[in-house]
């Protein structure tokens, strides 16, 4: 399978494929529904559809604000 297609569909070595014969050709689709997080050079990368309606920038900002407030509090 050409590299461009493997990258587009996030196929890694060993990915299982389903092959279906049709009247005028074949359909090839990924069969394994394994984990969507893949370790790529030490960084976890998500391959797959977005599963939540999440604004990443807003989430990171909120977490930073929360941590800053926590750090700024006097200890009890």
N, C-alpha and C. Protein backbone atom coordinates (compact mmCIF):
# COMPACT_ATOMS: atom_id res chain seq x y z
N UNK A 1 0.85 -1.16 0.00
CA UNK A 1 0.00 0.00 0.00
C UNK A 1 0.90 1.23 0.00
N UNK A 2 0.61 2.22 -0.82
CA UNK A 2 1.45 3.41 -0.88
C UNK A 2 1.53 4.14 0.47
N UNK A 3 2.69 4.72 0.73
CA UNK A 3 2.93 5.41 2.00
C UNK A 3 1.89 6.50 2.27
N UNK A 4 1.53 7.26 1.26
CA UNK A 4 0.56 8.35 1.43
C UNK A 4 -0.78 7.82 1.97
N UNK A 5 -1.21 6.67 1.47
CA UNK A 5 -2.46 6.08 1.96
C UNK A 5 -2.30 5.54 3.38
N UNK A 6 -1.16 4.92 3.67
CA UNK A 6 -0.93 4.41 5.03
C UNK A 6 -0.97 5.55 6.03
N UNK A 7 -0.35 6.68 5.69
CA UNK A 7 -0.35 7.84 6.58
C UNK A 7 -1.75 8.44 6.70
N UNK A 8 -2.45 8.56 5.59
CA UNK A 8 -3.79 9.16 5.60
C UNK A 8 -4.73 8.38 6.51
N UNK A 9 -4.63 7.05 6.50
CA UNK A 9 -5.53 6.21 7.27
C UNK A 9 -4.88 5.67 8.55
N UNK A 10 -3.71 6.24 8.91
CA UNK A 10 -3.02 5.91 10.15
C UNK A 10 -2.80 4.41 10.31
N UNK A 11 -2.30 3.79 9.25
CA UNK A 11 -2.00 2.36 9.29
C UNK A 11 -0.54 2.16 9.66
N UNK A 12 -0.33 1.36 10.67
CA UNK A 12 1.02 1.06 11.13
C UNK A 12 1.39 -0.34 10.68
N UNK A 13 2.69 -0.67 10.71
CA UNK A 13 3.08 -2.04 10.37
C UNK A 13 2.31 -3.02 11.25
N UNK A 14 1.76 -4.05 10.65
CA UNK A 14 0.99 -5.04 11.37
C UNK A 14 -0.49 -4.73 11.46
N UNK A 15 -0.93 -3.58 10.95
CA UNK A 15 -2.36 -3.26 10.96
C UNK A 15 -3.10 -4.31 10.15
N UNK A 16 -4.22 -4.77 10.69
CA UNK A 16 -5.02 -5.75 9.97
C UNK A 16 -6.01 -5.03 9.06
N UNK A 17 -6.20 -5.60 7.89
CA UNK A 17 -7.13 -5.03 6.91
C UNK A 17 -8.21 -6.04 6.57
N UNK A 18 -9.40 -5.54 6.31
CA UNK A 18 -10.48 -6.37 5.79
C UNK A 18 -10.57 -6.10 4.29
N UNK A 19 -10.69 -7.14 3.52
CA UNK A 19 -10.82 -7.01 2.07
C UNK A 19 -12.15 -7.61 1.66
N UNK A 20 -12.95 -6.80 0.96
CA UNK A 20 -14.27 -7.25 0.53
C UNK A 20 -14.36 -7.14 -0.99
N UNK A 21 -14.73 -8.24 -1.60
CA UNK A 21 -14.91 -8.24 -3.06
C UNK A 21 -16.28 -7.66 -3.38
N UNK A 22 -16.31 -6.79 -4.39
CA UNK A 22 -17.57 -6.23 -4.87
C UNK A 22 -17.73 -6.62 -6.32
N UNK A 23 -18.83 -6.25 -6.91
CA UNK A 23 -19.06 -6.60 -8.31
C UNK A 23 -18.02 -6.05 -9.26
N UNK A 24 -17.49 -4.86 -8.96
CA UNK A 24 -16.55 -4.25 -9.89
C UNK A 24 -15.22 -3.87 -9.26
N UNK A 25 -14.90 -4.48 -8.14
CA UNK A 25 -13.61 -4.17 -7.51
C UNK A 25 -13.51 -4.73 -6.11
N UNK A 26 -12.69 -4.09 -5.28
CA UNK A 26 -12.52 -4.51 -3.90
C UNK A 26 -12.59 -3.30 -2.98
N UNK A 27 -12.98 -3.54 -1.73
CA UNK A 27 -12.97 -2.51 -0.70
C UNK A 27 -11.99 -2.98 0.36
N UNK A 28 -11.06 -2.11 0.71
CA UNK A 28 -10.08 -2.41 1.74
C UNK A 28 -10.32 -1.44 2.89
N UNK A 29 -10.48 -1.99 4.10
CA UNK A 29 -10.68 -1.12 5.27
C UNK A 29 -9.89 -1.68 6.44
N UNK A 30 -9.55 -0.80 7.37
CA UNK A 30 -8.83 -1.22 8.57
C UNK A 30 -9.73 -2.11 9.41
N UNK A 31 -9.20 -3.23 9.88
CA UNK A 31 -9.99 -4.17 10.66
C UNK A 31 -9.76 -4.00 12.15
N UNK A 32 -8.55 -3.68 12.53
CA UNK A 32 -8.29 -3.62 13.97
C UNK A 32 -8.82 -2.31 14.54
N UNK A 33 -9.48 -2.42 15.63
CA UNK A 33 -10.03 -1.25 16.31
C UNK A 33 -9.32 -1.07 17.63
N UNK A 34 -8.01 -1.23 17.59
CA UNK A 34 -7.20 -1.17 18.80
C UNK A 34 -7.12 0.24 19.35
N UNK A 35 -6.16 0.47 20.23
CA UNK A 35 -6.03 1.77 20.88
C UNK A 35 -5.78 2.87 19.86
N UNK A 36 -6.36 4.03 20.14
CA UNK A 36 -6.18 5.14 19.22
C UNK A 36 -4.97 5.99 19.58
N UNK A 37 -4.33 5.70 20.73
CA UNK A 37 -3.12 6.42 21.10
C UNK A 37 -1.92 5.58 20.70
N UNK A 38 -1.01 6.20 19.96
CA UNK A 38 0.18 5.52 19.49
C UNK A 38 1.39 6.31 19.93
N UNK A 39 2.40 5.62 20.44
CA UNK A 39 3.64 6.27 20.85
C UNK A 39 4.46 6.56 19.61
N UNK A 40 4.67 7.84 19.34
CA UNK A 40 5.44 8.27 18.18
C UNK A 40 6.62 9.09 18.67
N UNK A 41 7.79 8.51 18.71
CA UNK A 41 9.02 9.17 19.16
C UNK A 41 8.86 9.72 20.58
N UNK A 42 8.20 8.94 21.45
CA UNK A 42 8.06 9.34 22.84
C UNK A 42 6.88 10.26 23.13
N UNK A 43 6.07 10.55 22.11
CA UNK A 43 4.91 11.42 22.29
C UNK A 43 3.66 10.62 21.94
N UNK A 44 2.64 10.66 22.81
CA UNK A 44 1.40 9.96 22.51
C UNK A 44 0.61 10.76 21.47
N UNK A 45 0.25 10.09 20.39
CA UNK A 45 -0.47 10.72 19.29
C UNK A 45 -1.78 9.98 19.10
N UNK A 46 -2.88 10.71 19.01
CA UNK A 46 -4.20 10.12 18.81
C UNK A 46 -4.46 9.97 17.32
N UNK A 47 -4.81 8.77 16.91
CA UNK A 47 -5.20 8.50 15.53
C UNK A 47 -6.64 8.05 15.55
N UNK A 48 -7.49 8.81 14.96
CA UNK A 48 -8.90 8.44 14.93
C UNK A 48 -9.77 9.67 14.98
N UNK A 49 -11.05 9.45 14.98
CA UNK A 49 -11.97 10.58 14.99
C UNK A 49 -11.98 11.27 16.36
N UNK A 50 -12.33 12.54 16.34
CA UNK A 50 -12.49 13.27 17.59
C UNK A 50 -13.73 12.74 18.28
N UNK A 51 -13.59 12.33 19.54
CA UNK A 51 -14.71 11.70 20.24
C UNK A 51 -15.43 12.64 21.18
N UNK A 52 -14.90 13.81 21.40
CA UNK A 52 -15.55 14.76 22.30
C UNK A 52 -15.49 16.15 21.70
N UNK A 53 -16.47 16.94 22.00
CA UNK A 53 -16.47 18.33 21.55
C UNK A 53 -15.67 19.12 22.56
N UNK A 54 -14.37 19.25 22.32
CA UNK A 54 -13.45 19.84 23.29
C UNK A 54 -12.61 20.90 22.61
N UNK A 55 -12.59 22.09 23.20
CA UNK A 55 -11.71 23.17 22.73
C UNK A 55 -10.40 23.02 23.49
N UNK A 56 -9.39 22.48 22.84
CA UNK A 56 -8.12 22.17 23.50
C UNK A 56 -7.48 23.43 24.08
N UNK A 57 -7.47 24.53 23.33
CA UNK A 57 -6.86 25.76 23.82
C UNK A 57 -7.55 26.24 25.10
N UNK A 58 -8.88 26.20 25.13
CA UNK A 58 -9.61 26.63 26.32
C UNK A 58 -9.34 25.69 27.49
N UNK A 59 -9.26 24.39 27.22
CA UNK A 59 -8.98 23.41 28.26
C UNK A 59 -7.60 23.67 28.88
N UNK A 60 -6.59 23.89 28.05
CA UNK A 60 -5.24 24.13 28.55
C UNK A 60 -5.23 25.42 29.37
N UNK A 61 -5.89 26.46 28.89
CA UNK A 61 -5.94 27.74 29.62
C UNK A 61 -6.59 27.55 30.98
N UNK A 62 -7.71 26.82 31.04
CA UNK A 62 -8.40 26.58 32.30
C UNK A 62 -7.52 25.80 33.28
N UNK A 63 -6.81 24.79 32.77
CA UNK A 63 -5.92 24.03 33.63
C UNK A 63 -4.79 24.89 34.18
N UNK A 64 -4.22 25.75 33.34
CA UNK A 64 -3.15 26.64 33.81
C UNK A 64 -3.66 27.59 34.89
N UNK A 65 -4.85 28.14 34.65
CA UNK A 65 -5.44 29.04 35.64
C UNK A 65 -5.69 28.32 36.96
N UNK A 66 -6.22 27.12 36.88
CA UNK A 66 -6.50 26.34 38.07
C UNK A 66 -5.22 26.04 38.85
N UNK A 67 -4.18 25.66 38.15
CA UNK A 67 -2.91 25.35 38.81
C UNK A 67 -2.28 26.60 39.40
N UNK A 68 -2.39 27.72 38.68
CA UNK A 68 -1.82 28.97 39.18
C UNK A 68 -2.54 29.39 40.46
N UNK A 69 -3.87 29.24 40.51
CA UNK A 69 -4.60 29.57 41.73
C UNK A 69 -4.18 28.65 42.87
N UNK A 70 -4.00 27.38 42.58
CA UNK A 70 -3.61 26.41 43.59
C UNK A 70 -2.22 26.73 44.13
N UNK A 71 -1.30 27.06 43.27
CA UNK A 71 0.08 27.37 43.69
C UNK A 71 0.11 28.66 44.51
N UNK A 72 -0.73 29.62 44.14
CA UNK A 72 -0.75 30.91 44.81
C UNK A 72 -1.40 30.88 46.18
N UNK A 73 -2.12 29.82 46.53
CA UNK A 73 -2.79 29.74 47.83
C UNK A 73 -1.78 29.52 48.96
N UNK A 74 -2.03 30.15 50.06
CA UNK A 74 -1.16 29.86 51.23
C UNK A 74 -1.43 28.44 51.72
N UNK A 75 -0.39 27.80 52.21
CA UNK A 75 -0.55 26.43 52.72
C UNK A 75 -1.26 26.47 54.07
N UNK A 76 -2.02 25.43 54.34
CA UNK A 76 -2.76 25.35 55.61
C UNK A 76 -2.09 24.37 56.52
